[in-house]
Structures are given as C-alpha cells and as structure tokens.
Amino acid sequence: MTKLRSLAISSSQNLSSSSHRSLLHSSPHFHIPVAVHKSIFNPLFNSQSQIIKLMFQFPLPIFRRYASSKERKRKPVTGISTKKKIKMKAYSSYKLRFRTLNDGQIRRWREGKRHNAHLKSKKSKRRLRQPALVHAAYAKVMKKLNFCG
C-alpha cells in the first residue's frame, strides 16, 4: 500500500492542474479520491487488471431514480380494514329533504323550486314540488352514512 501511495504522490507532480480540474468536474455526482485519479493515468498502471482492482476498492454508488425523497420519508401505509369508520353528519337542510319510508325506501323533496322560478313553467314547478324516491344505489349509501335521520 505504501508503494501505491508513493506512486500517487510522484504522479501528482506530472499531472497538470488543468487536467486534474477537468477530471474532478467531469462527473459532478461521483467523486473518486485524488490518489485513484492520478494512479489510473500513471504509465506504470497501464495493465487492466490493476485498474479493475482499484475500481473494486472504490465501487460506484448505485442510485435509484424511481424513488423520490418524499417516498422515503413517508410512513408505512395503514391497511384499509384497520382504519376508523366515519359516519358523515348530515346537513340540517338535508334532514328536511329526505325521509325514510316504512319499507326502507327514501323519499326526497326536490330542491330548486324557488331558483329561477320566473323562468320555469307551471309543470316544472309542480314536478319540483312532488316528492320522488331516491335511487336504490344512492339510498344504500345514504343509509350506510346515516344520512337520512
């Protein structure tokens, strides 16, 4: 190892400062120690086996491009079944609009009777006054969320 150091020191005198600067700035993300830079270009180290040995002593770092820093900081994801079930609180105005019938269906009184009333026909105003049944899929969700009283 001392022989390697002495060769690196002696080769440092032969290597010009401009070539040394260009070597350091050629790869901004990876920095090889100065002794390795200089020993690779030394004429005594021309055999490929010695260069390969040096590269194994200082292996290249492996970067993962697809993992962001935010991903690495994120907590582990909790399972869906372990999460707390939330019942949504119904708006007070919705409580007046929906009523559960004895057979389990939900009746709703339509909104928008007053909005643009001067532009609506008598038939459309009457239709908006009449209660209608909520579609079965919506009714199921509303019951699950305890949305209609």
C-alpha atoms as a PDB file:
ATOM      1  CA  MET A   1       0.000   0.000   0.000  1.00  0.00           C
ATOM      2  CA  THR A   2       2.898   2.353   0.720  1.00  0.00           C
ATOM      3  CA  LYS A   3       4.158   1.715  -2.806  1.00  0.00           C
ATOM      4  CA  LEU A   4       0.774   2.802  -4.173  1.00  0.00           C
ATOM      5  CA  ARG A   5       0.886   5.988  -2.097  1.00  0.00           C
ATOM      6  CA  SER A   6       4.394   6.840  -3.228  1.00  0.00           C
ATOM      7  CA  LEU A   7       3.421   6.269  -6.873  1.00  0.00           C
ATOM      8  CA  ALA A   8       0.384   8.504  -6.433  1.00  0.00           C
ATOM      9  CA  ILE A   9       2.479  11.269  -4.900  1.00  0.00           C
ATOM     10  CA  SER A  10       5.133  11.067  -7.622  1.00  0.00           C
ATOM     11  CA  SER A  11       2.494  11.100 -10.365  1.00  0.00           C
ATOM     12  CA  SER A  12       0.867  14.183  -8.827  1.00  0.00           C
ATOM     13  CA  GLN A  13       3.867  16.246  -9.896  1.00  0.00           C
ATOM     14  CA  ASN A  14       3.499  15.050 -13.515  1.00  0.00           C
ATOM     15  CA  LEU A  15      -0.242  15.722 -13.786  1.00  0.00           C
ATOM     16  CA  SER A  16      -1.055  19.298 -14.758  1.00  0.00           C
ATOM     17  CA  SER A  17      -3.585  21.271 -12.712  1.00  0.00           C
ATOM     18  CA  SER A  18      -5.911  21.885 -15.676  1.00  0.00           C
ATOM     19  CA  SER A  19      -6.325  18.163 -16.446  1.00  0.00           C
ATOM     20  CA  HIS A  20      -6.841  17.484 -12.734  1.00  0.00           C
ATOM     21  CA  ARG A  21      -9.616  20.115 -12.620  1.00  0.00           C
ATOM     22  CA  SER A  22     -11.351  18.662 -15.677  1.00  0.00           C
ATOM     23  CA  LEU A  23     -11.293  15.193 -14.120  1.00  0.00           C
ATOM     24  CA  LEU A  24     -12.954  16.391 -10.960  1.00  0.00           C
ATOM     25  CA  HIS A  25     -15.679  18.322 -12.792  1.00  0.00           C
ATOM     26  CA  SER A  26     -16.449  15.690 -15.430  1.00  0.00           C
ATOM     27  CA  SER A  27     -18.794  13.741 -13.118  1.00  0.00           C
ATOM     28  CA  PRO A  28     -20.408  16.007 -10.521  1.00  0.00           C
ATOM     29  CA  HIS A  29     -22.315  13.254  -8.645  1.00  0.00           C
ATOM     30  CA  PHE A  30     -19.428  10.886  -8.091  1.00  0.00           C
ATOM     31  CA  HIS A  31     -16.060  11.791  -6.565  1.00  0.00           C
ATOM     32  CA  ILE A  32     -13.141   9.354  -6.785  1.00  0.00           C
ATOM     33  CA  PRO A  33     -10.294  10.028  -4.339  1.00  0.00           C
ATOM     34  CA  VAL A  34      -7.429  12.010  -5.886  1.00  0.00           C
ATOM     35  CA  ALA A  35      -4.946   9.143  -5.455  1.00  0.00           C
ATOM     36  CA  VAL A  36      -7.105   6.878  -7.638  1.00  0.00           C
ATOM     37  CA  HIS A  37      -7.468   9.571 -10.336  1.00  0.00           C
ATOM     38  CA  LYS A  38      -3.754  10.006 -10.612  1.00  0.00           C
ATOM     39  CA  SER A  39      -2.786   6.345 -10.345  1.00  0.00           C
ATOM     40  CA  ILE A  40      -5.054   5.342 -13.253  1.00  0.00           C
ATOM     41  CA  PHE A  41      -3.228   7.716 -15.602  1.00  0.00           C
ATOM     42  CA  ASN A  42       0.211   6.744 -14.397  1.00  0.00           C
ATOM     43  CA  PRO A  43       2.148   4.797 -17.104  1.00  0.00           C
ATOM     44  CA  LEU A  44       3.129   2.135 -14.547  1.00  0.00           C
ATOM     45  CA  PHE A  45      -0.568   1.274 -14.038  1.00  0.00           C
ATOM     46  CA  ASN A  46      -1.458   0.511 -17.661  1.00  0.00           C
ATOM     47  CA  SER A  47      -2.463  -3.107 -17.082  1.00  0.00           C
ATOM     48  CA  GLN A  48      -6.225  -3.517 -16.929  1.00  0.00           C
ATOM     49  CA  SER A  49      -6.186  -5.989 -14.031  1.00  0.00           C
ATOM     50  CA  GLN A  50      -4.722  -3.377 -11.679  1.00  0.00           C
ATOM     51  CA  ILE A  51      -7.280  -0.777 -12.790  1.00  0.00           C
ATOM     52  CA  ILE A  52     -10.109  -3.256 -12.187  1.00  0.00           C
ATOM     53  CA  LYS A  53      -8.724  -3.983  -8.705  1.00  0.00           C
ATOM     54  CA  LEU A  54      -8.738  -0.273  -7.955  1.00  0.00           C
ATOM     55  CA  MET A  55     -12.335   0.094  -9.157  1.00  0.00           C
ATOM     56  CA  PHE A  56     -13.451  -2.733  -6.843  1.00  0.00           C
ATOM     57  CA  GLN A  57     -11.789  -0.961  -3.935  1.00  0.00           C
ATOM     58  CA  PHE A  58     -13.913   2.140  -4.682  1.00  0.00           C
ATOM     59  CA  PRO A  59     -17.202   0.794  -6.131  1.00  0.00           C
ATOM     60  CA  LEU A  60     -19.624   3.131  -7.889  1.00  0.00           C
ATOM     61  CA  PRO A  61     -22.659   4.124  -5.796  1.00  0.00           C
ATOM     62  CA  ILE A  62     -25.992   2.752  -7.024  1.00  0.00           C
ATOM     63  CA  PHE A  63     -28.761   5.356  -7.371  1.00  0.00           C
ATOM     64  CA  ARG A  64     -32.473   4.573  -7.610  1.00  0.00           C
ATOM     65  CA  ARG A  65     -34.100   7.045  -9.985  1.00  0.00           C
ATOM     66  CA  TYR A  66     -37.676   5.948  -9.336  1.00  0.00           C
ATOM     67  CA  ALA A  67     -37.726   6.606  -5.569  1.00  0.00           C
ATOM     68  CA  SER A  68     -38.220  10.233  -4.600  1.00  0.00           C
ATOM     69  CA  SER A  69     -37.131  11.718  -1.293  1.00  0.00           C
ATOM     70  CA  LYS A  70     -40.780  12.156  -0.298  1.00  0.00           C
ATOM     71  CA  GLU A  71     -41.381   8.423  -0.772  1.00  0.00           C
ATOM     72  CA  ARG A  72     -38.500   7.551   1.503  1.00  0.00           C
ATOM     73  CA  LYS A  73     -39.792   9.853   4.255  1.00  0.00           C
ATOM     74  CA  ARG A  74     -43.383   8.589   4.066  1.00  0.00           C
ATOM     75  CA  LYS A  75     -44.787   6.438   6.899  1.00  0.00           C
ATOM     76  CA  PRO A  76     -45.922   2.886   6.112  1.00  0.00           C
ATOM     77  CA  VAL A  77     -49.441   2.716   4.725  1.00  0.00           C
ATOM     78  CA  THR A  78     -52.134   1.538   7.144  1.00  0.00           C
ATOM     79  CA  GLY A  79     -54.458  -1.210   5.965  1.00  0.00           C
ATOM     80  CA  ILE A  80     -57.977  -0.252   4.880  1.00  0.00           C
ATOM     81  CA  SER A  81     -59.680  -2.579   7.359  1.00  0.00           C
ATOM     82  CA  THR A  82     -57.819  -1.070  10.337  1.00  0.00           C
ATOM     83  CA  LYS A  83     -58.942   2.485   9.633  1.00  0.00           C
ATOM     84  CA  LYS A  84     -61.684   4.028  11.718  1.00  0.00           C
ATOM     85  CA  LYS A  85     -65.121   4.059  10.136  1.00  0.00           C
ATOM     86  CA  ILE A  86     -66.548   7.571   9.896  1.00  0.00           C
ATOM     87  CA  LYS A  87     -70.204   8.418   9.813  1.00  0.00           C
ATOM     88  CA  MET A  88     -70.825  11.616   7.931  1.00  0.00           C
ATOM     89  CA  LYS A  89     -73.003  14.144   9.681  1.00  0.00           C
ATOM     90  CA  ALA A  90     -75.941  15.206   7.545  1.00  0.00           C
ATOM     91  CA  TYR A  91     -76.602  18.863   6.871  1.00  0.00           C
ATOM     92  CA  SER A  92     -79.665  20.192   8.643  1.00  0.00           C
ATOM     93  CA  SER A  93     -81.160  21.228   5.297  1.00  0.00           C
ATOM     94  CA  TYR A  94     -80.764  17.664   4.015  1.00  0.00           C
ATOM     95  CA  LYS A  95     -82.660  16.299   7.014  1.00  0.00           C
ATOM     96  CA  LEU A  96     -85.700  18.236   5.847  1.00  0.00           C
ATOM     97  CA  ARG A  97     -85.377  16.990   2.259  1.00  0.00           C
ATOM     98  CA  PHE A  98     -85.073  13.231   2.910  1.00  0.00           C
ATOM     99  CA  ARG A  99     -87.340  10.844   4.818  1.00  0.00           C
ATOM    100  CA  THR A 100     -87.092   7.084   5.235  1.00  0.00           C
ATOM    101  CA  LEU A 101     -90.328   5.236   4.480  1.00  0.00           C
ATOM    102  CA  ASN A 102     -91.562   2.135   6.348  1.00  0.00           C
ATOM    103  CA  ASP A 103     -90.438  -0.192   3.537  1.00  0.00           C
ATOM    104  CA  GLY A 104     -86.835   1.144   3.669  1.00  0.00           C
ATOM    105  CA  GLN A 105     -87.004   3.383   0.624  1.00  0.00           C
ATOM    106  CA  ILE A 106     -86.001   7.020   0.895  1.00  0.00           C
ATOM    107  CA  ARG A 107     -88.240   9.792  -0.327  1.00  0.00           C
ATOM    108  CA  ARG A 108     -86.802  13.147  -1.253  1.00  0.00           C
ATOM    109  CA  TRP A 109     -88.350  16.504  -1.840  1.00  0.00           C
ATOM    110  CA  ARG A 110     -86.616  18.252  -4.679  1.00  0.00           C
ATOM    111  CA  GLU A 111     -84.590  21.405  -4.347  1.00  0.00           C
ATOM    112  CA  GLY A 112     -84.623  24.352  -6.705  1.00  0.00           C
ATOM    113  CA  LYS A 113     -88.291  25.293  -6.507  1.00  0.00           C
ATOM    114  CA  ARG A 114     -87.503  28.934  -5.984  1.00  0.00           C
ATOM    115  CA  HIS A 115     -84.354  29.266  -8.099  1.00  0.00           C
ATOM    116  CA  ASN A 116     -85.192  30.991 -11.409  1.00  0.00           C
ATOM    117  CA  ALA A 117     -88.877  30.453 -10.670  1.00  0.00           C
ATOM    118  CA  HIS A 118     -89.920  33.149 -13.149  1.00  0.00           C
ATOM    119  CA  LEU A 119     -88.270  31.155 -15.960  1.00  0.00           C
ATOM    120  CA  LYS A 120     -89.917  27.818 -15.083  1.00  0.00           C
ATOM    121  CA  SER A 121     -93.209  26.581 -16.413  1.00  0.00           C
ATOM    122  CA  LYS A 122     -96.102  25.581 -14.162  1.00  0.00           C
ATOM    123  CA  LYS A 123     -95.464  21.916 -14.983  1.00  0.00           C
ATOM    124  CA  SER A 124     -91.820  22.040 -13.946  1.00  0.00           C
ATOM    125  CA  LYS A 125     -92.694  23.878 -10.701  1.00  0.00           C
ATOM    126  CA  ARG A 126     -95.292  21.193  -9.922  1.00  0.00           C
ATOM    127  CA  ARG A 127     -92.769  18.435 -10.714  1.00  0.00           C
ATOM    128  CA  LEU A 128     -90.294  20.022  -8.312  1.00  0.00           C
ATOM    129  CA  ARG A 129     -92.972  20.166  -5.599  1.00  0.00           C
ATOM    130  CA  GLN A 130     -93.733  16.439  -5.837  1.00  0.00           C
ATOM    131  CA  PRO A 131     -91.625  14.071  -3.714  1.00  0.00           C
ATOM    132  CA  ALA A 132     -89.689  11.342  -5.524  1.00  0.00           C
ATOM    133  CA  LEU A 133     -87.954   8.132  -4.477  1.00  0.00           C
ATOM    134  CA  VAL A 134     -84.170   8.067  -4.202  1.00  0.00           C
ATOM    135  CA  HIS A 135     -82.432   5.545  -6.490  1.00  0.00           C
ATOM    136  CA  ALA A 136     -81.605   2.258  -4.700  1.00  0.00           C
ATOM    137  CA  ALA A 137     -77.814   2.667  -5.028  1.00  0.00           C
ATOM    138  CA  TYR A 138     -77.915   6.164  -3.526  1.00  0.00           C
ATOM    139  CA  ALA A 139     -80.314   5.028  -0.791  1.00  0.00           C
ATOM    140  CA  LYS A 140     -77.934   2.241   0.225  1.00  0.00           C
ATOM    141  CA  VAL A 141     -75.031   4.677   0.607  1.00  0.00           C
ATOM    142  CA  MET A 142     -77.171   7.200   2.471  1.00  0.00           C
ATOM    143  CA  LYS A 143     -78.274   4.538   4.969  1.00  0.00           C
ATOM    144  CA  LYS A 144     -74.684   3.415   5.476  1.00  0.00           C
ATOM    145  CA  LEU A 145     -73.625   7.001   6.216  1.00  0.00           C
ATOM    146  CA  ASN A 146     -76.678   7.521   8.445  1.00  0.00           C
ATOM    147  CA  PHE A 147     -77.599  10.436   6.216  1.00  0.00           C
ATOM    148  CA  CYS A 148     -81.342  10.493   6.484  1.00  0.00           C
ATOM    149  CA  GLY A 149     -82.199  10.580  10.146  1.00  0.00           C
END
